[in-house]
Amino acid sequence: MQNIRSIFFMLAGATVFVAMLLFTFSVTLAVGGILTVLMVGRALSMKMKPAPVRAKANNGQREMRIWNDGRGTIIDL
């Protein structure tokens, strides 16, 4: 009787393990599929609608650029 019970618990544990494995695999596939569809949709929508180009008037003057490169402030006139 003890051997039958231990075999039953072993088979039940293996069944639960396989069920959890299949569930994890199916959820992974579902999430991967959803992300793939979203990435394809985004790529197609970006192709159909190009980014706007910003233009500004050039009045003969260049814009003064100032930035810091970590060693000091650089001013580009």
Protein backbone atom coordinates (compact mmCIF):
# COMPACT_ATOMS: atom_id res chain seq x y z
CA MET A 1 0.00 0.00 0.00
CA GLN A 2 2.87 2.36 0.79
CA ASN A 3 4.44 1.76 -2.64
CA ILE A 4 1.16 2.43 -4.43
CA ARG A 5 0.74 5.71 -2.56
CA SER A 6 4.29 6.86 -3.33
CA ILE A 7 3.86 5.96 -7.02
CA PHE A 8 0.58 7.89 -7.07
CA PHE A 9 2.22 10.97 -5.48
CA MET A 10 5.13 10.73 -7.92
CA LEU A 11 2.78 10.58 -10.91
CA ALA A 12 0.64 13.41 -9.52
CA GLY A 13 3.73 15.56 -9.00
CA ALA A 14 4.99 14.81 -12.51
CA THR A 15 1.56 15.68 -13.93
CA VAL A 16 1.45 18.99 -12.07
CA PHE A 17 5.00 19.77 -13.22
CA VAL A 18 4.18 19.05 -16.89
CA ALA A 19 0.96 21.10 -16.63
CA MET A 20 2.87 24.07 -15.21
CA LEU A 21 5.52 23.67 -17.91
CA LEU A 22 2.90 23.68 -20.68
CA PHE A 23 1.12 26.67 -19.13
CA THR A 24 4.36 28.65 -18.93
CA PHE A 25 5.22 27.76 -22.53
CA SER A 26 1.78 28.77 -23.80
CA VAL A 27 1.85 32.09 -21.93
CA THR A 28 5.32 32.78 -23.35
CA LEU A 29 4.09 32.08 -26.87
CA ALA A 30 1.02 34.26 -26.37
CA VAL A 31 3.06 37.22 -25.07
CA GLY A 32 5.57 36.77 -27.90
CA GLY A 33 2.76 36.74 -30.45
CA ILE A 34 1.17 39.87 -29.01
CA LEU A 35 4.51 41.71 -29.01
CA THR A 36 5.19 40.60 -32.60
CA VAL A 37 1.81 41.91 -33.77
CA LEU A 38 2.38 45.22 -31.97
CA MET A 39 5.88 45.62 -33.48
CA VAL A 40 4.62 44.86 -37.00
CA GLY A 41 1.74 47.30 -36.55
CA ARG A 42 4.06 50.01 -35.35
CA ALA A 43 6.48 49.43 -38.22
CA LEU A 44 3.67 49.61 -40.78
CA SER A 45 2.17 52.75 -39.24
CA MET A 46 5.57 54.47 -39.24
CA LYS A 47 5.97 53.69 -42.94
CA MET A 48 2.57 55.12 -43.78
CA LYS A 49 3.05 58.30 -41.77
CA PRO A 50 6.53 59.84 -42.07
CA ALA A 51 7.80 62.07 -39.30
CA PRO A 52 7.23 65.79 -39.91
CA VAL A 53 10.23 67.90 -40.82
CA ARG A 54 10.62 71.09 -38.86
CA ALA A 55 11.85 74.04 -40.84
CA LYS A 56 12.82 77.41 -39.47
CA ALA A 57 13.64 80.62 -41.19
CA ASN A 58 17.30 81.44 -41.66
CA ASN A 59 17.63 85.20 -41.23
CA GLY A 60 21.31 85.23 -42.05
CA GLN A 61 22.14 84.36 -38.46
CA ARG A 62 23.20 81.03 -37.12
CA GLU A 63 21.82 79.85 -33.87
CA MET A 64 24.29 79.97 -30.97
CA ARG A 65 24.83 76.49 -29.53
CA ILE A 66 26.06 75.94 -25.98
CA TRP A 67 26.83 72.56 -24.46
CA ASN A 68 28.97 71.00 -21.77
CA ASP A 69 31.24 68.10 -22.73
CA GLY A 70 32.22 67.25 -19.17
CA ARG A 71 35.47 69.22 -19.32
CA GLY A 72 33.95 72.64 -19.72
CA THR A 73 31.27 74.67 -21.44
CA ILE A 74 31.56 75.02 -25.21
CA ILE A 75 29.96 77.96 -26.98
CA ASP A 76 29.61 77.65 -30.77
CA LEU A 77 28.99 81.04 -32.32
